[in-house]
C-alpha atoms as a PDB file:
ATOM      1  CA  UNK A   1      83.639 156.477 135.948  1.00  0.00           C
ATOM      2  CA  UNK A   2      85.432 154.589 133.239  1.00  0.00           C
ATOM      3  CA  UNK A   3      88.013 153.376 135.796  1.00  0.00           C
ATOM      4  CA  UNK A   4      85.228 152.025 138.112  1.00  0.00           C
ATOM      5  CA  UNK A   5      83.595 150.281 135.131  1.00  0.00           C
ATOM      6  CA  UNK A   6      87.070 148.788 134.177  1.00  0.00           C
ATOM      7  CA  UNK A   7      87.577 147.494 137.685  1.00  0.00           C
ATOM      8  CA  UNK A   8      84.008 145.908 137.785  1.00  0.00           C
ATOM      9  CA  UNK A   9      84.619 144.114 134.424  1.00  0.00           C
ATOM     10  CA  UNK A  10      88.021 142.645 135.143  1.00  0.00           C
ATOM     11  CA  UNK A  11      88.244 139.050 135.324  1.00  0.00           C
ATOM     12  CA  UNK A  12      89.214 137.026 138.258  1.00  0.00           C
ATOM     13  CA  UNK A  13      92.988 137.023 137.347  1.00  0.00           C
ATOM     14  CA  UNK A  14      93.129 140.874 137.193  1.00  0.00           C
ATOM     15  CA  UNK A  15      93.320 141.094 133.449  1.00  0.00           C
ATOM     16  CA  UNK A  16      90.650 142.402 130.959  1.00  0.00           C
ATOM     17  CA  UNK A  17      89.237 140.370 128.172  1.00  0.00           C
ATOM     18  CA  UNK A  18      89.221 141.370 124.493  1.00  0.00           C
ATOM     19  CA  UNK A  19      85.691 142.662 124.535  1.00  0.00           C
ATOM     20  CA  UNK A  20      86.441 144.594 127.857  1.00  0.00           C
ATOM     21  CA  UNK A  21      89.495 146.261 125.985  1.00  0.00           C
ATOM     22  CA  UNK A  22      87.121 147.309 123.022  1.00  0.00           C
ATOM     23  CA  UNK A  23      84.707 148.745 125.488  1.00  0.00           C
ATOM     24  CA  UNK A  24      87.404 150.677 127.048  1.00  0.00           C
ATOM     25  CA  UNK A  25      88.637 151.985 123.538  1.00  0.00           C
ATOM     26  CA  UNK A  26      85.230 152.827 122.513  1.00  0.00           C
ATOM     27  CA  UNK A  27      84.927 155.359 125.648  1.00  0.00           C
ATOM     28  CA  UNK A  28      88.305 156.782 124.738  1.00  0.00           C
ATOM     29  CA  UNK A  29      87.123 157.349 121.145  1.00  0.00           C
ATOM     30  CA  UNK A  30      83.844 158.986 122.276  1.00  0.00           C
ATOM     31  CA  UNK A  31      85.658 161.312 124.680  1.00  0.00           C
ATOM     32  CA  UNK A  32      88.016 162.200 121.971  1.00  0.00           C
ATOM     33  CA  UNK A  33      85.290 162.943 119.416  1.00  0.00           C
ATOM     34  CA  UNK A  34      83.404 165.195 121.997  1.00  0.00           C
ATOM     35  CA  UNK A  35      86.596 167.035 122.530  1.00  0.00           C
ATOM     36  CA  UNK A  36      87.097 167.401 118.768  1.00  0.00           C
ATOM     37  CA  UNK A  37      83.393 168.723 118.219  1.00  0.00           C
ATOM     38  CA  UNK A  38      83.743 171.205 121.046  1.00  0.00           C
ATOM     39  CA  UNK A  39      86.935 172.618 119.503  1.00  0.00           C
ATOM     40  CA  UNK A  40      85.187 172.744 115.986  1.00  0.00           C
ATOM     41  CA  UNK A  41      82.488 174.756 117.583  1.00  0.00           C
ATOM     42  CA  UNK A  42      84.906 177.111 119.115  1.00  0.00           C
ATOM     43  CA  UNK A  43      86.581 177.519 115.744  1.00  0.00           C
ATOM     44  CA  UNK A  44      83.300 177.980 113.950  1.00  0.00           C
ATOM     45  CA  UNK A  45      82.257 180.785 116.228  1.00  0.00           C
ATOM     46  CA  UNK A  46      85.615 182.734 116.065  1.00  0.00           C
ATOM     47  CA  UNK A  47      86.017 182.417 112.081  1.00  0.00           C
ATOM     48  CA  UNK A  48      87.563 185.804 112.016  1.00  0.00           C
ATOM     49  CA  UNK A  49      90.590 184.613 113.830  1.00  0.00           C
ATOM     50  CA  UNK A  50      90.750 181.393 112.095  1.00  0.00           C
ATOM     51  CA  UNK A  51      90.526 182.746 108.520  1.00  0.00           C
ATOM     52  CA  UNK A  52      91.680 186.503 108.595  1.00  0.00           C
ATOM     53  CA  UNK A  53      94.582 185.995 111.170  1.00  0.00           C
ATOM     54  CA  UNK A  54      95.711 182.298 110.372  1.00  0.00           C
ATOM     55  CA  UNK A  55      94.838 181.008 107.117  1.00  0.00           C
ATOM     56  CA  UNK A  56      94.688 184.074 104.869  1.00  0.00           C
ATOM     57  CA  UNK A  57      97.384 185.903 106.791  1.00  0.00           C
ATOM     58  CA  UNK A  58     100.457 184.615 104.566  1.00  0.00           C
ATOM     59  CA  UNK A  59      98.612 186.524 101.671  1.00  0.00           C
ATOM     60  CA  UNK A  60      98.565 189.939 103.391  1.00  0.00           C
ATOM     61  CA  UNK A  61     101.364 192.515 103.108  1.00  0.00           C
ATOM     62  CA  UNK A  62     101.112 192.871 106.870  1.00  0.00           C
ATOM     63  CA  UNK A  63     102.083 189.204 107.630  1.00  0.00           C
ATOM     64  CA  UNK A  64     105.300 189.128 109.641  1.00  0.00           C
ATOM     65  CA  UNK A  65     107.262 187.315 107.230  1.00  0.00           C
ATOM     66  CA  UNK A  66     106.416 189.559 104.378  1.00  0.00           C
ATOM     67  CA  UNK A  67     107.229 192.716 106.383  1.00  0.00           C
ATOM     68  CA  UNK A  68     110.673 191.295 107.479  1.00  0.00           C
ATOM     69  CA  UNK A  69     111.607 190.377 103.909  1.00  0.00           C
ATOM     70  CA  UNK A  70     110.617 193.915 102.647  1.00  0.00           C
ATOM     71  CA  UNK A  71     112.861 195.355 105.268  1.00  0.00           C
ATOM     72  CA  UNK A  72     115.745 193.173 104.208  1.00  0.00           C
ATOM     73  CA  UNK A  73     114.992 193.887 100.747  1.00  0.00           C
ATOM     74  CA  UNK A  74     115.473 197.652 101.490  1.00  0.00           C
ATOM     75  CA  UNK A  75     118.764 196.971 103.454  1.00  0.00           C
ATOM     76  CA  UNK A  76     120.403 194.813 100.688  1.00  0.00           C
ATOM     77  CA  UNK A  77     118.687 196.861  97.850  1.00  0.00           C
ATOM     78  CA  UNK A  78     117.069 193.613  96.382  1.00  0.00           C
ATOM     79  CA  UNK A  79     113.411 194.498  95.683  1.00  0.00           C
ATOM     80  CA  UNK A  80     112.829 190.751  94.620  1.00  0.00           C
ATOM     81  CA  UNK A  81     112.699 189.947  98.225  1.00  0.00           C
ATOM     82  CA  UNK A  82     109.795 191.966  99.006  1.00  0.00           C
ATOM     83  CA  UNK A  83     106.986 189.553  98.507  1.00  0.00           C
ATOM     84  CA  UNK A  84     103.069 189.336  98.629  1.00  0.00           C
ATOM     85  CA  UNK A  85     102.766 193.210  98.501  1.00  0.00           C
ATOM     86  CA  UNK A  86      99.667 192.693  95.901  1.00  0.00           C
ATOM     87  CA  UNK A  87      97.516 190.097  97.628  1.00  0.00           C
ATOM     88  CA  UNK A  88      96.278 187.164  95.555  1.00  0.00           C
ATOM     89  CA  UNK A  89      92.478 187.674  94.614  1.00  0.00           C
ATOM     90  CA  UNK A  90      90.579 184.697  96.073  1.00  0.00           C
ATOM     91  CA  UNK A  91      87.306 183.492  94.712  1.00  0.00           C
ATOM     92  CA  UNK A  92      84.532 181.117  95.511  1.00  0.00           C
ATOM     93  CA  UNK A  93      82.903 179.397  92.559  1.00  0.00           C
ATOM     94  CA  UNK A  94      80.136 177.601  94.417  1.00  0.00           C
ATOM     95  CA  UNK A  95      76.993 178.936  96.088  1.00  0.00           C
ATOM     96  CA  UNK A  96      77.704 177.085  99.208  1.00  0.00           C
ATOM     97  CA  UNK A  97      81.487 177.222  98.708  1.00  0.00           C
ATOM     98  CA  UNK A  98      82.383 179.561 101.587  1.00  0.00           C
ATOM     99  CA  UNK A  99      79.893 177.989 104.088  1.00  0.00           C
ATOM    100  CA  UNK A 100      81.297 174.408 103.161  1.00  0.00           C
ATOM    101  CA  UNK A 101      84.925 175.819 103.521  1.00  0.00           C
ATOM    102  CA  UNK A 102      83.933 177.291 107.006  1.00  0.00           C
ATOM    103  CA  UNK A 103      82.603 173.915 108.196  1.00  0.00           C
ATOM    104  CA  UNK A 104      85.675 171.912 106.876  1.00  0.00           C
ATOM    105  CA  UNK A 105      88.220 174.241 108.440  1.00  0.00           C
ATOM    106  CA  UNK A 106      86.201 174.292 111.647  1.00  0.00           C
ATOM    107  CA  UNK A 107      86.441 170.553 112.025  1.00  0.00           C
ATOM    108  CA  UNK A 108      90.173 170.457 111.080  1.00  0.00           C
ATOM    109  CA  UNK A 109      90.809 173.383 113.641  1.00  0.00           C
ATOM    110  CA  UNK A 110      88.727 171.410 116.304  1.00  0.00           C
ATOM    111  CA  UNK A 111      91.052 168.468 115.716  1.00  0.00           C
ATOM    112  CA  UNK A 112      94.083 170.577 116.111  1.00  0.00           C
ATOM    113  CA  UNK A 113      92.808 172.410 119.279  1.00  0.00           C
ATOM    114  CA  UNK A 114      91.735 169.108 120.891  1.00  0.00           C
ATOM    115  CA  UNK A 115      94.863 167.106 119.579  1.00  0.00           C
ATOM    116  CA  UNK A 116      96.574 167.252 123.158  1.00  0.00           C
ATOM    117  CA  UNK A 117      93.547 165.862 124.827  1.00  0.00           C
ATOM    118  CA  UNK A 118      92.907 163.148 122.136  1.00  0.00           C
ATOM    119  CA  UNK A 119      96.528 162.063 122.312  1.00  0.00           C
ATOM    120  CA  UNK A 120      96.293 161.832 126.053  1.00  0.00           C
ATOM    121  CA  UNK A 121      93.255 159.734 125.779  1.00  0.00           C
ATOM    122  CA  UNK A 122      94.831 157.125 123.488  1.00  0.00           C
ATOM    123  CA  UNK A 123      98.058 157.237 125.546  1.00  0.00           C
ATOM    124  CA  UNK A 124      95.982 156.451 128.735  1.00  0.00           C
ATOM    125  CA  UNK A 125      94.630 153.458 126.775  1.00  0.00           C
ATOM    126  CA  UNK A 126      97.930 151.957 125.486  1.00  0.00           C
ATOM    127  CA  UNK A 127     100.059 152.895 128.656  1.00  0.00           C
ATOM    128  CA  UNK A 128      99.019 150.103 131.036  1.00  0.00           C
ATOM    129  CA  UNK A 129     100.290 147.626 128.491  1.00  0.00           C
ATOM    130  CA  UNK A 130     103.758 149.053 128.524  1.00  0.00           C
ATOM    131  CA  UNK A 131     106.667 148.133 130.978  1.00  0.00           C
ATOM    132  CA  UNK A 132     108.193 150.998 132.938  1.00  0.00           C
ATOM    133  CA  UNK A 133     111.264 151.282 130.717  1.00  0.00           C
ATOM    134  CA  UNK A 134     108.798 151.133 127.599  1.00  0.00           C
ATOM    135  CA  UNK A 135     106.834 154.019 128.944  1.00  0.00           C
ATOM    136  CA  UNK A 136     110.048 156.104 129.688  1.00  0.00           C
ATOM    137  CA  UNK A 137     111.263 155.738 126.088  1.00  0.00           C
ATOM    138  CA  UNK A 138     107.637 156.045 124.578  1.00  0.00           C
ATOM    139  CA  UNK A 139     107.216 159.454 126.318  1.00  0.00           C
ATOM    140  CA  UNK A 140     110.680 160.769 125.076  1.00  0.00           C
ATOM    141  CA  UNK A 141     109.919 159.558 121.476  1.00  0.00           C
ATOM    142  CA  UNK A 142     106.363 161.095 121.496  1.00  0.00           C
ATOM    143  CA  UNK A 143     107.639 164.429 122.925  1.00  0.00           C
ATOM    144  CA  UNK A 144     110.423 164.737 120.384  1.00  0.00           C
ATOM    145  CA  UNK A 145     108.213 163.675 117.605  1.00  0.00           C
ATOM    146  CA  UNK A 146     105.617 166.449 118.647  1.00  0.00           C
ATOM    147  CA  UNK A 147     108.168 169.107 118.913  1.00  0.00           C
ATOM    148  CA  UNK A 148     109.659 168.427 115.606  1.00  0.00           C
ATOM    149  CA  UNK A 149     106.162 168.205 113.858  1.00  0.00           C
ATOM    150  CA  UNK A 150     105.184 171.681 115.537  1.00  0.00           C
ATOM    151  CA  UNK A 151     108.593 173.012 114.427  1.00  0.00           C
ATOM    152  CA  UNK A 152     108.126 171.769 110.788  1.00  0.00           C
ATOM    153  CA  UNK A 153     104.583 173.063 110.714  1.00  0.00           C
ATOM    154  CA  UNK A 154     105.648 176.622 111.857  1.00  0.00           C
ATOM    155  CA  UNK A 155     108.370 176.563 109.333  1.00  0.00           C
ATOM    156  CA  UNK A 156     106.206 175.657 106.658  1.00  0.00           C
ATOM    157  CA  UNK A 157     103.705 178.237 107.438  1.00  0.00           C
ATOM    158  CA  UNK A 158     105.923 181.116 108.365  1.00  0.00           C
ATOM    159  CA  UNK A 159     108.527 180.565 105.617  1.00  0.00           C
ATOM    160  CA  UNK A 160     107.606 178.306 102.885  1.00  0.00           C
ATOM    161  CA  UNK A 161     103.877 179.350 102.686  1.00  0.00           C
ATOM    162  CA  UNK A 162     104.546 183.070 101.879  1.00  0.00           C
ATOM    163  CA  UNK A 163     107.235 182.135  99.399  1.00  0.00           C
ATOM    164  CA  UNK A 164     104.839 179.721  97.570  1.00  0.00           C
ATOM    165  CA  UNK A 165     101.921 181.946  97.500  1.00  0.00           C
ATOM    166  CA  UNK A 166     104.028 184.906  96.067  1.00  0.00           C
ATOM    167  CA  UNK A 167     105.673 182.583  93.315  1.00  0.00           C
ATOM    168  CA  UNK A 168     102.410 180.487  92.471  1.00  0.00           C
ATOM    169  CA  UNK A 169      99.981 183.291  92.736  1.00  0.00           C
ATOM    170  CA  UNK A 170     102.097 185.642  90.411  1.00  0.00           C
ATOM    171  CA  UNK A 171     103.247 183.152  87.985  1.00  0.00           C
ATOM    172  CA  UNK A 172     101.749 183.449  84.538  1.00  0.00           C
ATOM    173  CA  UNK A 173     102.320 181.342  81.334  1.00  0.00           C
ATOM    174  CA  UNK A 174     100.970 184.355  79.333  1.00  0.00           C
ATOM    175  CA  UNK A 175      99.804 187.809  79.979  1.00  0.00           C
ATOM    176  CA  UNK A 176      96.534 186.922  78.537  1.00  0.00           C
ATOM    177  CA  UNK A 177      95.847 184.667  81.577  1.00  0.00           C
ATOM    178  CA  UNK A 178      94.612 186.209  84.671  1.00  0.00           C
ATOM    179  CA  UNK A 179      94.921 184.287  88.008  1.00  0.00           C
ATOM    180  CA  UNK A 180      91.843 183.737  90.004  1.00  0.00           C
ATOM    181  CA  UNK A 181      92.584 181.444  92.716  1.00  0.00           C
ATOM    182  CA  UNK A 182      89.796 179.437  94.299  1.00  0.00           C
ATOM    183  CA  UNK A 183      89.674 179.687  98.054  1.00  0.00           C
ATOM    184  CA  UNK A 184      89.722 175.903  98.397  1.00  0.00           C
ATOM    185  CA  UNK A 185      92.878 175.822  96.287  1.00  0.00           C
ATOM    186  CA  UNK A 186      94.567 178.414  98.294  1.00  0.00           C
ATOM    187  CA  UNK A 187      93.713 176.560 101.630  1.00  0.00           C
ATOM    188  CA  UNK A 188      94.808 173.328 100.325  1.00  0.00           C
ATOM    189  CA  UNK A 189      98.200 174.686  99.231  1.00  0.00           C
ATOM    190  CA  UNK A 190      98.851 176.432 102.482  1.00  0.00           C
ATOM    191  CA  UNK A 191      97.730 173.402 104.662  1.00  0.00           C
ATOM    192  CA  UNK A 192      99.674 170.933 102.446  1.00  0.00           C
ATOM    193  CA  UNK A 193     102.769 172.964 102.553  1.00  0.00           C
ATOM    194  CA  UNK A 194     102.680 173.405 106.394  1.00  0.00           C
ATOM    195  CA  UNK A 195     101.923 169.572 106.885  1.00  0.00           C
ATOM    196  CA  UNK A 196     104.592 168.527 104.412  1.00  0.00           C
ATOM    197  CA  UNK A 197     107.052 170.584 106.236  1.00  0.00           C
ATOM    198  CA  UNK A 198     105.915 169.041 109.574  1.00  0.00           C
ATOM    199  CA  UNK A 199     106.354 165.532 108.369  1.00  0.00           C
ATOM    200  CA  UNK A 200     109.662 166.387 106.726  1.00  0.00           C
ATOM    201  CA  UNK A 201     110.948 167.475 110.223  1.00  0.00           C
ATOM    202  CA  UNK A 202     110.274 164.069 111.472  1.00  0.00           C
ATOM    203  CA  UNK A 203     113.343 162.712 109.635  1.00  0.00           C
ATOM    204  CA  UNK A 204     115.345 162.516 112.812  1.00  0.00           C
ATOM    205  CA  UNK A 205     112.814 160.297 114.490  1.00  0.00           C
ATOM    206  CA  UNK A 206     112.607 158.140 111.282  1.00  0.00           C
ATOM    207  CA  UNK A 207     116.428 157.778 111.284  1.00  0.00           C
ATOM    208  CA  UNK A 208     116.392 156.787 115.026  1.00  0.00           C
ATOM    209  CA  UNK A 209     114.070 153.771 114.434  1.00  0.00           C
ATOM    210  CA  UNK A 210     115.734 152.706 111.279  1.00  0.00           C
ATOM    211  CA  UNK A 211     119.183 152.866 113.012  1.00  0.00           C
ATOM    212  CA  UNK A 212     117.737 150.978 115.996  1.00  0.00           C
ATOM    213  CA  UNK A 213     116.671 148.052 113.694  1.00  0.00           C
ATOM    214  CA  UNK A 214     119.921 148.324 111.558  1.00  0.00           C
ATOM    215  CA  UNK A 215     118.432 149.423 108.205  1.00  0.00           C
ATOM    216  CA  UNK A 216     120.173 152.875 108.288  1.00  0.00           C
ATOM    217  CA  UNK A 217     123.676 153.488 109.322  1.00  0.00           C
ATOM    218  CA  UNK A 218     125.684 156.722 109.521  1.00  0.00           C
ATOM    219  CA  UNK A 219     128.155 155.496 106.871  1.00  0.00           C
ATOM    220  CA  UNK A 220     125.163 155.023 104.500  1.00  0.00           C
ATOM    221  CA  UNK A 221     123.723 158.504 105.178  1.00  0.00           C
ATOM    222  CA  UNK A 222     127.307 160.071 104.745  1.00  0.00           C
ATOM    223  CA  UNK A 223     127.898 158.215 101.559  1.00  0.00           C
ATOM    224  CA  UNK A 224     124.492 159.573 100.029  1.00  0.00           C
ATOM    225  CA  UNK A 225     124.875 162.999 101.488  1.00  0.00           C
ATOM    226  CA  UNK A 226     125.462 164.629  98.115  1.00  0.00           C
ATOM    227  CA  UNK A 227     122.464 163.074  96.685  1.00  0.00           C
ATOM    228  CA  UNK A 228     120.255 164.163  99.536  1.00  0.00           C
ATOM    229  CA  UNK A 229     121.632 167.724  99.057  1.00  0.00           C
ATOM    230  CA  UNK A 230     120.721 167.595  95.366  1.00  0.00           C
ATOM    231  CA  UNK A 231     117.306 166.529  96.223  1.00  0.00           C
ATOM    232  CA  UNK A 232     116.760 169.139  98.816  1.00  0.00           C
ATOM    233  CA  UNK A 233     118.021 171.798  96.282  1.00  0.00           C
ATOM    234  CA  UNK A 234     115.482 170.521  93.741  1.00  0.00           C
ATOM    235  CA  UNK A 235     112.628 170.695  96.133  1.00  0.00           C
ATOM    236  CA  UNK A 236     113.556 174.158  97.332  1.00  0.00           C
ATOM    237  CA  UNK A 237     113.771 175.415  93.895  1.00  0.00           C
ATOM    238  CA  UNK A 238     110.201 174.061  93.048  1.00  0.00           C
ATOM    239  CA  UNK A 239     108.595 175.810  95.958  1.00  0.00           C
ATOM    240  CA  UNK A 240     110.370 179.114  96.249  1.00  0.00           C
ATOM    241  CA  UNK A 241     110.696 182.112  94.169  1.00  0.00           C
ATOM    242  CA  UNK A 242     113.539 182.255  91.638  1.00  0.00           C
ATOM    243  CA  UNK A 243     116.104 184.057  93.872  1.00  0.00           C
ATOM    244  CA  UNK A 244     119.197 182.507  95.639  1.00  0.00           C
ATOM    245  CA  UNK A 245     118.081 184.105  99.114  1.00  0.00           C
ATOM    246  CA  UNK A 246     114.654 182.135  99.300  1.00  0.00           C
ATOM    247  CA  UNK A 247     116.434 178.998  97.925  1.00  0.00           C
ATOM    248  CA  UNK A 248     119.065 179.280 100.800  1.00  0.00           C
ATOM    249  CA  UNK A 249     116.316 180.216 103.373  1.00  0.00           C
ATOM    250  CA  UNK A 250     114.509 177.013 102.731  1.00  0.00           C
ATOM    251  CA  UNK A 251     117.542 174.674 101.942  1.00  0.00           C
ATOM    252  CA  UNK A 252     119.675 175.366 105.202  1.00  0.00           C
ATOM    253  CA  UNK A 253     117.286 174.001 107.826  1.00  0.00           C
ATOM    254  CA  UNK A 254     116.606 170.875 105.600  1.00  0.00           C
ATOM    255  CA  UNK A 255     120.360 170.071 105.288  1.00  0.00           C
ATOM    256  CA  UNK A 256     120.891 170.642 109.004  1.00  0.00           C
ATOM    257  CA  UNK A 257     117.992 168.161 109.575  1.00  0.00           C
ATOM    258  CA  UNK A 258     119.847 165.531 107.458  1.00  0.00           C
ATOM    259  CA  UNK A 259     123.236 166.283 109.527  1.00  0.00           C
ATOM    260  CA  UNK A 260     121.421 165.967 112.775  1.00  0.00           C
ATOM    261  CA  UNK A 261     120.022 162.674 111.600  1.00  0.00           C
ATOM    262  CA  UNK A 262     123.552 161.510 110.766  1.00  0.00           C
ATOM    263  CA  UNK A 263     124.586 162.302 114.313  1.00  0.00           C
ATOM    264  CA  UNK A 264     121.677 160.587 115.780  1.00  0.00           C
ATOM    265  CA  UNK A 265     122.257 157.418 113.592  1.00  0.00           C
ATOM    266  CA  UNK A 266     125.876 157.411 114.895  1.00  0.00           C
ATOM    267  CA  UNK A 267     124.639 157.674 118.521  1.00  0.00           C
ATOM    268  CA  UNK A 268     122.225 154.757 118.042  1.00  0.00           C
ATOM    269  CA  UNK A 269     124.778 152.623 116.368  1.00  0.00           C
ATOM    270  CA  UNK A 270     127.497 153.260 118.950  1.00  0.00           C
ATOM    271  CA  UNK A 271     125.066 152.607 121.955  1.00  0.00           C
ATOM    272  CA  UNK A 272     124.149 149.331 120.154  1.00  0.00           C
ATOM    273  CA  UNK A 273     127.725 148.280 119.743  1.00  0.00           C
ATOM    274  CA  UNK A 274     128.391 149.129 123.531  1.00  0.00           C
ATOM    275  CA  UNK A 275     125.484 147.114 124.511  1.00  0.00           C
ATOM    276  CA  UNK A 276     126.418 143.982 122.313  1.00  0.00           C
ATOM    277  CA  UNK A 277     130.046 144.246 123.790  1.00  0.00           C
ATOM    278  CA  UNK A 278     128.722 144.292 127.377  1.00  0.00           C
ATOM    279  CA  UNK A 279     126.474 141.398 126.451  1.00  0.00           C
ATOM    280  CA  UNK A 280     129.295 139.463 124.860  1.00  0.00           C
ATOM    281  CA  UNK A 281     131.568 140.192 128.086  1.00  0.00           C
ATOM    282  CA  UNK A 282     128.870 139.069 130.306  1.00  0.00           C
ATOM    283  CA  UNK A 283     128.323 135.737 128.459  1.00  0.00           C
ATOM    284  CA  UNK A 284     132.059 135.249 128.433  1.00  0.00           C
ATOM    285  CA  UNK A 285     132.259 135.775 132.255  1.00  0.00           C
ATOM    286  CA  UNK A 286     129.441 133.465 132.855  1.00  0.00           C
ATOM    287  CA  UNK A 287     131.123 130.680 130.712  1.00  0.00           C
ATOM    288  CA  UNK A 288     134.297 131.234 132.577  1.00  0.00           C
ATOM    289  CA  UNK A 289     132.455 131.160 135.859  1.00  0.00           C
ATOM    290  CA  UNK A 290     130.709 128.029 134.841  1.00  0.00           C
ATOM    291  CA  UNK A 291     134.095 126.279 133.864  1.00  0.00           C
ATOM    292  CA  UNK A 292     135.639 127.223 136.869  1.00  0.00           C
ATOM    293  CA  UNK A 293     132.779 125.838 139.063  1.00  0.00           C
ATOM    294  CA  UNK A 294     132.909 122.645 137.080  1.00  0.00           C
ATOM    295  CA  UNK A 295     136.689 122.541 137.496  1.00  0.00           C
ATOM    296  CA  UNK A 296     136.263 122.961 141.328  1.00  0.00           C
ATOM    297  CA  UNK A 297     133.642 120.433 141.538  1.00  0.00           C
ATOM    298  CA  UNK A 298     135.815 117.827 139.519  1.00  0.00           C
ATOM    299  CA  UNK A 299     138.624 118.660 141.955  1.00  0.00           C
ATOM    300  CA  UNK A 300     136.221 118.189 144.896  1.00  0.00           C
ATOM    301  CA  UNK A 301     135.197 114.772 143.530  1.00  0.00           C
ATOM    302  CA  UNK A 302     138.771 113.701 142.974  1.00  0.00           C
ATOM    303  CA  UNK A 303     139.793 114.492 146.578  1.00  0.00           C
ATOM    304  CA  UNK A 304     136.694 112.762 147.836  1.00  0.00           C
ATOM    305  CA  UNK A 305     137.718 109.720 145.733  1.00  0.00           C
ATOM    306  CA  UNK A 306     141.147 109.870 147.068  1.00  0.00           C
ATOM    307  CA  UNK A 307     139.927 110.024 150.707  1.00  0.00           C
ATOM    308  CA  UNK A 308     137.716 107.093 150.318  1.00  0.00           C
ATOM    309  CA  UNK A 309     140.644 104.878 148.627  1.00  0.00           C
ATOM    310  CA  UNK A 310     142.990 105.652 151.656  1.00  0.00           C
ATOM    311  CA  UNK A 311     140.169 104.563 153.981  1.00  0.00           C
END
């Protein structure tokens, strides 16, 4: 339907006007919003799955990460690794607090559920403006960025969130102070940890584009590797319990990401150098060919002049 309207509104030269582009974008946005609302309704109906089995799960002793760490604690005789065996008590301090939280989480869940369709809608809008080569690179970059973000979110949810809940939920400045965590604060902490990890895992993509425009080089990243490791260790020490295993568990993937980013930057710089060398060689060949043609033309003119003089 939108495609037919677009064809009818195209100008005589086959291109759409600015207002026609806005109209096209409006329909993409409307369909995306409908998909988000539909996903939110589904999430609202299945609140037990969203809350009990997803959001509140890291606080439970039965959560897979908590169970695996407790088994590891028994094997290595390190009880400190067995976390979240006493779930944090969550409270709601407003009359409508739980209902409001239910609605907000349903909207966020609807956006997550409908994200593939929303992305496809906007990709359909921007795709006609790209060349075939640009579409190929865009698809690859978008796929890589999506996979890295999803991996980061899963890492934050399954690894960092249980460790953070155990540390922050049990931390006390004094025995006279009891922790009673607001449900909104708990949800905000879990979601922010997961999203922060997802954004952090986008480091290779960021380095790729910075290397493409010449801002970041592999030599620069190698030079400041030690500084990056110190920053990673400090961040891991803040969000993990005070034990060496948790620190290593969070630190190693982040350091690996940094090393992968160095490798990506090296590949980008090498490819750019090869392209520059090929362009320089092509220019030199073109200049040599032009000079040869000019010389041949001069010789032909000289021979023609000599022939005329003989006559």
